[in-house]
Amino acid sequence: MDTVLLTTLERIADALERLAPSSPSGADLSAADAFVWQPESGRLVPVPHVSGVGIDMLQGVERQKQLVLENTQRFAAGLSANNAMLWGARGMGKSSLVKAAHAAVNAKHPGTLALIEIQREDIGTLPTLLNLLRGESKRCVVLCDDLSFEREDADYKALKSVLDGGIEGRPANVLFYATSNRRHLMPRDMIENESSKGISPSEAIEEKVSLSDRFGLWIGFHNCDQPTYFAMVDGYADQLGLVLSREALHAEAVEWSMTRGSRSGRVAWQFIQDLSGRLGFAALQSA
């Protein structure tokens, strides 16, 4: 073959190879312990450091912590485990608990478990992600934070199918965790309005609320009372080594919660962050 022609063909082949999309199966789950799913490129992007707090710092959710941690530990050990829905009051540590359980498992058994975050708007691509993970040996927890569905949103049907497993079944190496402020993942009026239309309104309602039934673990988080709020504040203060009397700490914590109009783990953490900064700044000023 003519040398010039051969060289030209090789250049064309190289150009086509560069233009062709990379195979999703090229994702290296050993590159990190956490990833973000990017459906546009069909890739898992490694997350070098997961933002979160230690599981011991989560206060006021002891029962929830036990359920999530034990379920995650069993899954990581290759035993049966359930998909989990963490629902309820905002700021009570739902997503923090999932990340803390993942970190706790990997702290004891490094590299055992991968945490993969999928955005709410990408739920329709969940089957693609599961197919990508199906051939992997590493166990993976897929997390969708703040999951909910609005009127005319058909993605919930796709999620129901995925949780049921379909013909292929959910990959044995994948577990799905979701957090939501809504008990049934949908607005109450979206469910109730079904009763005013349709030939069989009860069947329509059942279709809407049955999505949450697909989760084997259904864990509720509720607004905390003041003693629980103080326990959260005390726990965070002790972890950060803040030197302040309990009376003064609680008095400032109450004032902070009143300005926010609520008590929760998030409010407690934000208060401690502010207090830590103020105490540190005061120490610099006096130095």
C-alpha atoms as a PDB file:
ATOM      1  CA  MET A   1       0.000   0.000   0.000  1.00  0.00           C
ATOM      2  CA  ASP A   2       1.184   3.518  -0.771  1.00  0.00           C
ATOM      3  CA  THR A   3       3.043   5.009   2.177  1.00  0.00           C
ATOM      4  CA  VAL A   4       1.244   8.353   1.912  1.00  0.00           C
ATOM      5  CA  LEU A   5      -2.158   6.618   1.811  1.00  0.00           C
ATOM      6  CA  LEU A   6      -1.260   4.434   4.816  1.00  0.00           C
ATOM      7  CA  THR A   7      -0.148   7.461   6.798  1.00  0.00           C
ATOM      8  CA  THR A   8      -3.373   9.279   5.921  1.00  0.00           C
ATOM      9  CA  LEU A   9      -5.502   6.316   7.016  1.00  0.00           C
ATOM     10  CA  GLU A  10      -3.635   6.087  10.323  1.00  0.00           C
ATOM     11  CA  ARG A  11      -4.244   9.798  10.970  1.00  0.00           C
ATOM     12  CA  ILE A  12      -7.950   9.382  10.214  1.00  0.00           C
ATOM     13  CA  ALA A  13      -8.168   6.377  12.548  1.00  0.00           C
ATOM     14  CA  ASP A  14      -6.418   8.318  15.337  1.00  0.00           C
ATOM     15  CA  ALA A  15      -8.754  11.281  14.861  1.00  0.00           C
ATOM     16  CA  LEU A  16     -11.844   9.074  14.990  1.00  0.00           C
ATOM     17  CA  GLU A  17     -10.585   7.397  18.146  1.00  0.00           C
ATOM     18  CA  ARG A  18     -10.120  10.799  19.823  1.00  0.00           C
ATOM     19  CA  LEU A  19     -13.599  11.926  18.777  1.00  0.00           C
ATOM     20  CA  ALA A  20     -15.362   8.742  19.889  1.00  0.00           C
ATOM     21  CA  PRO A  21     -16.914   8.908  23.387  1.00  0.00           C
ATOM     22  CA  SER A  22     -15.024   6.955  25.983  1.00  0.00           C
ATOM     23  CA  SER A  23     -16.607   3.772  27.239  1.00  0.00           C
ATOM     24  CA  PRO A  24     -18.394   4.268  30.564  1.00  0.00           C
ATOM     25  CA  SER A  25     -17.020   0.965  31.715  1.00  0.00           C
ATOM     26  CA  GLY A  26     -13.659   2.676  31.899  1.00  0.00           C
ATOM     27  CA  ALA A  27     -14.574   4.124  35.313  1.00  0.00           C
ATOM     28  CA  ASP A  28     -12.048   3.080  37.921  1.00  0.00           C
ATOM     29  CA  LEU A  29     -13.826   2.505  41.244  1.00  0.00           C
ATOM     30  CA  SER A  30     -10.461   2.055  42.920  1.00  0.00           C
ATOM     31  CA  ALA A  31      -9.607   5.700  42.163  1.00  0.00           C
ATOM     32  CA  ALA A  32     -11.566   6.968  45.177  1.00  0.00           C
ATOM     33  CA  ASP A  33     -14.136   6.027  47.799  1.00  0.00           C
ATOM     34  CA  ALA A  34     -16.748   8.455  46.438  1.00  0.00           C
ATOM     35  CA  PHE A  35     -17.923   9.573  43.014  1.00  0.00           C
ATOM     36  CA  VAL A  36     -20.414  11.901  41.340  1.00  0.00           C
ATOM     37  CA  TRP A  37     -22.421  10.505  38.428  1.00  0.00           C
ATOM     38  CA  GLN A  38     -22.255  12.624  35.277  1.00  0.00           C
ATOM     39  CA  PRO A  39     -24.798  11.204  32.818  1.00  0.00           C
ATOM     40  CA  GLU A  40     -23.819  13.558  29.987  1.00  0.00           C
ATOM     41  CA  SER A  41     -20.463  11.839  29.655  1.00  0.00           C
ATOM     42  CA  GLY A  42     -21.542   8.523  31.182  1.00  0.00           C
ATOM     43  CA  ARG A  43     -18.745   8.830  33.713  1.00  0.00           C
ATOM     44  CA  LEU A  44     -18.174   8.581  37.425  1.00  0.00           C
ATOM     45  CA  VAL A  45     -16.077  11.526  38.595  1.00  0.00           C
ATOM     46  CA  PRO A  46     -13.913  10.750  41.649  1.00  0.00           C
ATOM     47  CA  VAL A  47     -14.380  12.846  44.810  1.00  0.00           C
ATOM     48  CA  PRO A  48     -11.042  13.007  46.680  1.00  0.00           C
ATOM     49  CA  HIS A  49     -12.605  14.223  49.935  1.00  0.00           C
ATOM     50  CA  VAL A  50     -16.232  13.767  51.031  1.00  0.00           C
ATOM     51  CA  SER A  51     -17.644  16.675  53.005  1.00  0.00           C
ATOM     52  CA  GLY A  52     -19.196  15.333  56.186  1.00  0.00           C
ATOM     53  CA  VAL A  53     -18.939  14.774  59.927  1.00  0.00           C
ATOM     54  CA  GLY A  54     -18.008  11.707  61.945  1.00  0.00           C
ATOM     55  CA  ILE A  55     -20.851   9.399  62.853  1.00  0.00           C
ATOM     56  CA  ASP A  56     -20.186   9.948  66.566  1.00  0.00           C
ATOM     57  CA  MET A  57     -20.918  13.651  66.128  1.00  0.00           C
ATOM     58  CA  LEU A  58     -24.483  13.012  64.983  1.00  0.00           C
ATOM     59  CA  GLN A  59     -26.691  13.468  68.026  1.00  0.00           C
ATOM     60  CA  GLY A  60     -30.406  12.992  68.603  1.00  0.00           C
ATOM     61  CA  VAL A  61     -30.766  10.323  65.913  1.00  0.00           C
ATOM     62  CA  GLU A  62     -29.478   7.254  67.735  1.00  0.00           C
ATOM     63  CA  ARG A  63     -32.114   4.843  66.435  1.00  0.00           C
ATOM     64  CA  GLN A  64     -31.788   6.127  62.868  1.00  0.00           C
ATOM     65  CA  LYS A  65     -28.010   5.943  63.121  1.00  0.00           C
ATOM     66  CA  GLN A  66     -28.137   2.325  64.249  1.00  0.00           C
ATOM     67  CA  LEU A  67     -30.472   1.291  61.422  1.00  0.00           C
ATOM     68  CA  VAL A  68     -28.478   2.965  58.648  1.00  0.00           C
ATOM     69  CA  LEU A  69     -25.083   1.869  59.957  1.00  0.00           C
ATOM     70  CA  GLU A  70     -26.082  -1.754  60.458  1.00  0.00           C
ATOM     71  CA  ASN A  71     -27.758  -1.957  57.042  1.00  0.00           C
ATOM     72  CA  THR A  72     -24.654  -0.459  55.395  1.00  0.00           C
ATOM     73  CA  GLN A  73     -22.296  -2.760  57.295  1.00  0.00           C
ATOM     74  CA  ARG A  74     -24.248  -5.850  56.244  1.00  0.00           C
ATOM     75  CA  PHE A  75     -24.239  -4.740  52.630  1.00  0.00           C
ATOM     76  CA  ALA A  76     -20.487  -4.052  52.693  1.00  0.00           C
ATOM     77  CA  ALA A  77     -19.934  -7.528  54.140  1.00  0.00           C
ATOM     78  CA  GLY A  78     -21.753  -9.105  51.189  1.00  0.00           C
ATOM     79  CA  LEU A  79     -24.921  -9.894  53.133  1.00  0.00           C
ATOM     80  CA  SER A  80     -28.539  -9.003  52.372  1.00  0.00           C
ATOM     81  CA  ALA A  81     -29.499  -5.349  52.882  1.00  0.00           C
ATOM     82  CA  ASN A  82     -32.350  -3.013  51.971  1.00  0.00           C
ATOM     83  CA  ASN A  83     -32.681   0.129  49.908  1.00  0.00           C
ATOM     84  CA  ALA A  84     -33.350   2.949  52.370  1.00  0.00           C
ATOM     85  CA  MET A  85     -35.485   6.086  52.390  1.00  0.00           C
ATOM     86  CA  LEU A  86     -34.524   8.694  54.998  1.00  0.00           C
ATOM     87  CA  TRP A  87     -37.383  11.181  55.226  1.00  0.00           C
ATOM     88  CA  GLY A  88     -38.554  13.925  57.529  1.00  0.00           C
ATOM     89  CA  ALA A  89     -37.599  17.230  59.121  1.00  0.00           C
ATOM     90  CA  ARG A  90     -34.988  19.305  57.354  1.00  0.00           C
ATOM     91  CA  GLY A  91     -31.582  19.730  58.923  1.00  0.00           C
ATOM     92  CA  MET A  92     -31.747  16.588  61.063  1.00  0.00           C
ATOM     93  CA  GLY A  93     -28.759  14.904  59.429  1.00  0.00           C
ATOM     94  CA  LYS A  94     -30.295  12.577  56.839  1.00  0.00           C
ATOM     95  CA  SER A  95     -27.619  12.934  54.149  1.00  0.00           C
ATOM     96  CA  SER A  96     -24.906  13.448  56.782  1.00  0.00           C
ATOM     97  CA  LEU A  97     -25.815  10.083  58.279  1.00  0.00           C
ATOM     98  CA  VAL A  98     -25.454   8.263  54.950  1.00  0.00           C
ATOM     99  CA  LYS A  99     -22.056   9.838  54.347  1.00  0.00           C
ATOM    100  CA  ALA A 100     -20.980   9.138  57.935  1.00  0.00           C
ATOM    101  CA  ALA A 101     -22.026   5.466  57.692  1.00  0.00           C
ATOM    102  CA  HIS A 102     -20.071   5.116  54.442  1.00  0.00           C
ATOM    103  CA  ALA A 103     -17.009   6.680  56.071  1.00  0.00           C
ATOM    104  CA  ALA A 104     -17.352   4.453  59.151  1.00  0.00           C
ATOM    105  CA  VAL A 105     -17.422   1.289  57.056  1.00  0.00           C
ATOM    106  CA  ASN A 106     -14.389   2.308  55.020  1.00  0.00           C
ATOM    107  CA  ALA A 107     -12.507   3.398  58.136  1.00  0.00           C
ATOM    108  CA  LYS A 108     -12.779  -0.162  59.440  1.00  0.00           C
ATOM    109  CA  HIS A 109     -12.369  -1.876  56.063  1.00  0.00           C
ATOM    110  CA  PRO A 110     -10.581   0.546  53.685  1.00  0.00           C
ATOM    111  CA  GLY A 111     -11.770   0.593  50.098  1.00  0.00           C
ATOM    112  CA  THR A 112     -14.699  -1.737  50.730  1.00  0.00           C
ATOM    113  CA  LEU A 113     -17.521   0.605  49.760  1.00  0.00           C
ATOM    114  CA  ALA A 114     -18.003   3.301  47.107  1.00  0.00           C
ATOM    115  CA  LEU A 115     -20.477   6.153  47.621  1.00  0.00           C
ATOM    116  CA  ILE A 116     -21.970   7.451  44.367  1.00  0.00           C
ATOM    117  CA  GLU A 117     -24.063  10.628  44.305  1.00  0.00           C
ATOM    118  CA  ILE A 118     -26.759  11.067  41.669  1.00  0.00           C
ATOM    119  CA  GLN A 119     -28.610  14.369  41.292  1.00  0.00           C
ATOM    120  CA  ARG A 120     -32.395  14.498  41.500  1.00  0.00           C
ATOM    121  CA  GLU A 121     -32.688  15.743  37.914  1.00  0.00           C
ATOM    122  CA  ASP A 122     -30.648  12.741  36.723  1.00  0.00           C
ATOM    123  CA  ILE A 123     -32.881  10.050  38.264  1.00  0.00           C
ATOM    124  CA  GLY A 124     -34.076   9.135  34.776  1.00  0.00           C
ATOM    125  CA  THR A 125     -30.540   7.926  34.019  1.00  0.00           C
ATOM    126  CA  LEU A 126     -30.400   5.654  37.063  1.00  0.00           C
ATOM    127  CA  PRO A 127     -30.872   2.494  34.947  1.00  0.00           C
ATOM    128  CA  THR A 128     -27.820   3.510  32.900  1.00  0.00           C
ATOM    129  CA  LEU A 129     -25.783   3.970  36.065  1.00  0.00           C
ATOM    130  CA  LEU A 130     -26.872   0.598  37.446  1.00  0.00           C
ATOM    131  CA  ASN A 131     -25.914  -1.117  34.213  1.00  0.00           C
ATOM    132  CA  LEU A 132     -22.512   0.537  34.456  1.00  0.00           C
ATOM    133  CA  LEU A 133     -22.032  -0.764  37.999  1.00  0.00           C
ATOM    134  CA  ARG A 134     -23.469  -4.216  37.342  1.00  0.00           C
ATOM    135  CA  GLY A 135     -20.179  -5.662  36.181  1.00  0.00           C
ATOM    136  CA  GLU A 136     -18.103  -4.192  39.013  1.00  0.00           C
ATOM    137  CA  SER A 137     -16.879  -6.216  41.975  1.00  0.00           C
ATOM    138  CA  LYS A 138     -16.811  -3.278  44.387  1.00  0.00           C
ATOM    139  CA  ARG A 139     -19.943  -2.651  46.433  1.00  0.00           C
ATOM    140  CA  CYS A 140     -21.628   0.711  45.844  1.00  0.00           C
ATOM    141  CA  VAL A 141     -24.176   2.842  47.674  1.00  0.00           C
ATOM    142  CA  VAL A 142     -25.976   5.197  45.278  1.00  0.00           C
ATOM    143  CA  LEU A 143     -27.263   8.292  47.101  1.00  0.00           C
ATOM    144  CA  CYS A 144     -29.863  10.747  45.839  1.00  0.00           C
ATOM    145  CA  ASP A 145     -30.160  13.668  48.243  1.00  0.00           C
ATOM    146  CA  ASP A 146     -33.365  15.697  48.581  1.00  0.00           C
ATOM    147  CA  LEU A 147     -35.380  13.431  46.317  1.00  0.00           C
ATOM    148  CA  SER A 148     -38.935  14.489  45.504  1.00  0.00           C
ATOM    149  CA  PHE A 149     -41.292  14.618  42.547  1.00  0.00           C
ATOM    150  CA  GLU A 150     -43.642  17.306  41.308  1.00  0.00           C
ATOM    151  CA  ARG A 151     -46.834  17.190  39.295  1.00  0.00           C
ATOM    152  CA  GLU A 152     -46.484  15.744  35.793  1.00  0.00           C
ATOM    153  CA  ASP A 153     -43.097  14.315  36.741  1.00  0.00           C
ATOM    154  CA  ALA A 154     -42.852  10.826  35.294  1.00  0.00           C
ATOM    155  CA  ASP A 155     -39.402   9.982  36.685  1.00  0.00           C
ATOM    156  CA  TYR A 156     -40.983   8.385  39.747  1.00  0.00           C
ATOM    157  CA  LYS A 157     -42.230   5.559  37.531  1.00  0.00           C
ATOM    158  CA  ALA A 158     -38.700   4.902  36.320  1.00  0.00           C
ATOM    159  CA  LEU A 159     -37.471   4.849  39.916  1.00  0.00           C
ATOM    160  CA  LYS A 160     -40.194   2.382  40.904  1.00  0.00           C
ATOM    161  CA  SER A 161     -39.077   0.080  38.119  1.00  0.00           C
ATOM    162  CA  VAL A 162     -35.444   0.329  39.173  1.00  0.00           C
ATOM    163  CA  LEU A 163     -36.205  -0.370  42.831  1.00  0.00           C
ATOM    164  CA  ASP A 164     -38.316  -3.365  41.859  1.00  0.00           C
ATOM    165  CA  GLY A 165     -35.407  -4.611  39.807  1.00  0.00           C
ATOM    166  CA  GLY A 166     -37.138  -5.188  36.491  1.00  0.00           C
ATOM    167  CA  ILE A 167     -36.204  -8.262  34.478  1.00  0.00           C
ATOM    168  CA  GLU A 168     -32.489  -8.006  35.217  1.00  0.00           C
ATOM    169  CA  GLY A 169     -32.938  -7.261  38.902  1.00  0.00           C
ATOM    170  CA  ARG A 170     -31.031  -4.716  40.937  1.00  0.00           C
ATOM    171  CA  PRO A 171     -27.299  -5.434  40.780  1.00  0.00           C
ATOM    172  CA  ALA A 172     -26.215  -7.372  43.852  1.00  0.00           C
ATOM    173  CA  ASN A 173     -23.350  -4.936  44.389  1.00  0.00           C
ATOM    174  CA  VAL A 174     -25.570  -1.807  44.465  1.00  0.00           C
ATOM    175  CA  LEU A 175     -27.741  -0.319  47.195  1.00  0.00           C
ATOM    176  CA  PHE A 176     -29.914   2.787  46.762  1.00  0.00           C
ATOM    177  CA  TYR A 177     -30.301   5.396  49.507  1.00  0.00           C
ATOM    178  CA  ALA A 178     -32.473   8.498  49.177  1.00  0.00           C
ATOM    179  CA  THR A 179     -33.249  11.421  51.467  1.00  0.00           C
ATOM    180  CA  SER A 180     -36.355  13.565  51.295  1.00  0.00           C
ATOM    181  CA  ASN A 181     -38.354  16.057  53.330  1.00  0.00           C
ATOM    182  CA  ARG A 182     -41.522  14.366  52.037  1.00  0.00           C
ATOM    183  CA  ARG A 183     -42.846  11.137  53.424  1.00  0.00           C
ATOM    184  CA  HIS A 184     -44.111   9.828  50.076  1.00  0.00           C
ATOM    185  CA  LEU A 185     -41.713  11.840  47.881  1.00  0.00           C
ATOM    186  CA  MET A 186     -44.596  13.857  46.430  1.00  0.00           C
ATOM    187  CA  PRO A 187     -46.602  16.923  47.522  1.00  0.00           C
ATOM    188  CA  ARG A 188     -49.675  16.074  49.573  1.00  0.00           C
ATOM    189  CA  ASP A 189     -51.955  17.936  47.150  1.00  0.00           C
ATOM    190  CA  MET A 190     -50.547  15.937  44.233  1.00  0.00           C
ATOM    191  CA  ILE A 191     -51.694  12.754  45.985  1.00  0.00           C
ATOM    192  CA  GLU A 192     -54.983  14.090  47.337  1.00  0.00           C
ATOM    193  CA  ASN A 193     -56.042  15.641  44.027  1.00  0.00           C
ATOM    194  CA  GLU A 194     -56.084  12.189  42.500  1.00  0.00           C
ATOM    195  CA  SER A 195     -59.234  11.539  44.551  1.00  0.00           C
ATOM    196  CA  SER A 196     -61.127  14.196  42.592  1.00  0.00           C
ATOM    197  CA  LYS A 197     -60.501  12.823  39.120  1.00  0.00           C
ATOM    198  CA  GLY A 198     -60.317   9.582  37.242  1.00  0.00           C
ATOM    199  CA  ILE A 199     -62.581   6.561  37.150  1.00  0.00           C
ATOM    200  CA  SER A 200     -60.680   4.763  39.902  1.00  0.00           C
ATOM    201  CA  PRO A 201     -59.095   7.495  42.047  1.00  0.00           C
ATOM    202  CA  SER A 202     -58.010   5.069  44.745  1.00  0.00           C
ATOM    203  CA  GLU A 203     -55.857   3.208  42.221  1.00  0.00           C
ATOM    204  CA  ALA A 204     -54.204   6.451  41.127  1.00  0.00           C
ATOM    205  CA  ILE A 205     -53.446   7.330  44.739  1.00  0.00           C
ATOM    206  CA  GLU A 206     -52.009   3.872  45.363  1.00  0.00           C
ATOM    207  CA  GLU A 207     -49.697   4.295  42.362  1.00  0.00           C
ATOM    208  CA  LYS A 208     -48.383   7.562  43.788  1.00  0.00           C
ATOM    209  CA  VAL A 209     -47.773   6.430  47.382  1.00  0.00           C
ATOM    210  CA  SER A 210     -46.500   2.963  46.472  1.00  0.00           C
ATOM    211  CA  LEU A 211     -43.112   4.374  45.488  1.00  0.00           C
ATOM    212  CA  SER A 212     -42.049   4.638  49.133  1.00  0.00           C
ATOM    213  CA  ASP A 213     -43.066   0.990  49.618  1.00  0.00           C
ATOM    214  CA  ARG A 214     -40.194  -0.007  47.346  1.00  0.00           C
ATOM    215  CA  PHE A 215     -37.738   0.955  50.073  1.00  0.00           C
ATOM    216  CA  GLY A 216     -37.121  -1.830  52.576  1.00  0.00           C
ATOM    217  CA  LEU A 217     -35.972   0.668  55.178  1.00  0.00           C
ATOM    218  CA  TRP A 218     -38.203   3.699  55.730  1.00  0.00           C
ATOM    219  CA  ILE A 219     -36.570   5.851  58.408  1.00  0.00           C
ATOM    220  CA  GLY A 220     -38.243   8.965  59.797  1.00  0.00           C
ATOM    221  CA  PHE A 221     -36.473  12.062  61.157  1.00  0.00           C
ATOM    222  CA  HIS A 222     -38.472  14.435  63.336  1.00  0.00           C
ATOM    223  CA  ASN A 223     -38.035  17.920  64.760  1.00  0.00           C
ATOM    224  CA  CYS A 224     -35.921  17.826  67.900  1.00  0.00           C
ATOM    225  CA  ASP A 225     -36.873  19.147  71.308  1.00  0.00           C
ATOM    226  CA  GLN A 226     -34.665  21.469  73.342  1.00  0.00           C
ATOM    227  CA  PRO A 227     -32.817  18.766  75.365  1.00  0.00           C
ATOM    228  CA  THR A 228     -31.896  17.013  72.104  1.00  0.00           C
ATOM    229  CA  TYR A 229     -30.803  20.318  70.609  1.00  0.00           C
ATOM    230  CA  PHE A 230     -28.585  20.949  73.640  1.00  0.00           C
ATOM    231  CA  ALA A 231     -27.112  17.435  73.278  1.00  0.00           C
ATOM    232  CA  MET A 232     -26.206  18.249  69.671  1.00  0.00           C
ATOM    233  CA  VAL A 233     -24.615  21.552  70.664  1.00  0.00           C
ATOM    234  CA  ASP A 234     -22.686  19.908  73.522  1.00  0.00           C
ATOM    235  CA  GLY A 235     -21.443  17.126  71.265  1.00  0.00           C
ATOM    236  CA  TYR A 236     -20.173  19.516  68.597  1.00  0.00           C
ATOM    237  CA  ALA A 237     -18.576  21.805  71.204  1.00  0.00           C
ATOM    238  CA  ASP A 238     -16.760  18.881  72.827  1.00  0.00           C
ATOM    239  CA  GLN A 239     -15.512  17.598  69.461  1.00  0.00           C
ATOM    240  CA  LEU A 240     -14.067  21.022  68.614  1.00  0.00           C
ATOM    241  CA  GLY A 241     -12.700  21.570  72.112  1.00  0.00           C
ATOM    242  CA  LEU A 242     -14.568  24.837  72.731  1.00  0.00           C
ATOM    243  CA  VAL A 243     -13.977  26.214  76.217  1.00  0.00           C
ATOM    244  CA  LEU A 244     -17.261  27.665  77.482  1.00  0.00           C
ATOM    245  CA  SER A 245     -19.508  26.886  80.421  1.00  0.00           C
ATOM    246  CA  ARG A 246     -22.567  24.788  79.655  1.00  0.00           C
ATOM    247  CA  GLU A 247     -24.844  27.563  80.934  1.00  0.00           C
ATOM    248  CA  ALA A 248     -23.334  30.146  78.620  1.00  0.00           C
ATOM    249  CA  LEU A 249     -23.206  27.674  75.731  1.00  0.00           C
ATOM    250  CA  HIS A 250     -26.875  26.764  76.094  1.00  0.00           C
ATOM    251  CA  ALA A 251     -27.968  30.378  76.506  1.00  0.00           C
ATOM    252  CA  GLU A 252     -26.262  31.357  73.253  1.00  0.00           C
ATOM    253  CA  ALA A 253     -27.590  28.234  71.532  1.00  0.00           C
ATOM    254  CA  VAL A 254     -31.163  29.150  72.483  1.00  0.00           C
ATOM    255  CA  GLU A 255     -30.709  32.675  71.175  1.00  0.00           C
ATOM    256  CA  TRP A 256     -29.278  31.343  67.928  1.00  0.00           C
ATOM    257  CA  SER A 257     -32.158  28.882  67.419  1.00  0.00           C
ATOM    258  CA  MET A 258     -34.695  31.658  68.043  1.00  0.00           C
ATOM    259  CA  THR A 259     -33.166  33.780  65.293  1.00  0.00           C
ATOM    260  CA  ARG A 260     -33.405  30.789  62.942  1.00  0.00           C
ATOM    261  CA  GLY A 261     -36.930  29.849  64.012  1.00  0.00           C
ATOM    262  CA  SER A 262     -36.093  26.169  64.426  1.00  0.00           C
ATOM    263  CA  ARG A 263     -34.002  23.589  66.237  1.00  0.00           C
ATOM    264  CA  SER A 264     -32.119  20.923  64.291  1.00  0.00           C
ATOM    265  CA  GLY A 265     -28.734  19.352  63.858  1.00  0.00           C
ATOM    266  CA  ARG A 266     -27.977  21.778  61.039  1.00  0.00           C
ATOM    267  CA  VAL A 267     -28.873  24.788  63.200  1.00  0.00           C
ATOM    268  CA  ALA A 268     -26.728  23.395  66.042  1.00  0.00           C
ATOM    269  CA  TRP A 269     -23.756  22.925  63.692  1.00  0.00           C
ATOM    270  CA  GLN A 270     -24.135  26.408  62.218  1.00  0.00           C
ATOM    271  CA  PHE A 271     -24.229  27.861  65.733  1.00  0.00           C
ATOM    272  CA  ILE A 272     -21.079  25.983  66.737  1.00  0.00           C
ATOM    273  CA  GLN A 273     -19.300  27.133  63.578  1.00  0.00           C
ATOM    274  CA  ASP A 274     -20.183  30.738  64.390  1.00  0.00           C
ATOM    275  CA  LEU A 275     -19.194  30.365  68.049  1.00  0.00           C
ATOM    276  CA  SER A 276     -15.902  28.691  67.152  1.00  0.00           C
ATOM    277  CA  GLY A 277     -15.072  31.526  64.779  1.00  0.00           C
ATOM    278  CA  ARG A 278     -15.934  34.185  67.349  1.00  0.00           C
ATOM    279  CA  LEU A 279     -13.886  32.521  70.088  1.00  0.00           C
ATOM    280  CA  GLY A 280     -10.946  32.043  67.759  1.00  0.00           C
ATOM    281  CA  PHE A 281     -11.104  35.651  66.571  1.00  0.00           C
ATOM    282  CA  ALA A 282     -11.260  36.893  70.172  1.00  0.00           C
ATOM    283  CA  ALA A 283      -8.182  34.852  71.013  1.00  0.00           C
ATOM    284  CA  LEU A 284      -6.310  36.401  68.057  1.00  0.00           C
ATOM    285  CA  GLN A 285      -7.320  39.891  69.133  1.00  0.00           C
ATOM    286  CA  SER A 286      -6.066  39.362  72.656  1.00  0.00           C
ATOM    287  CA  ALA A 287      -2.783  37.768  71.596  1.00  0.00           C
END
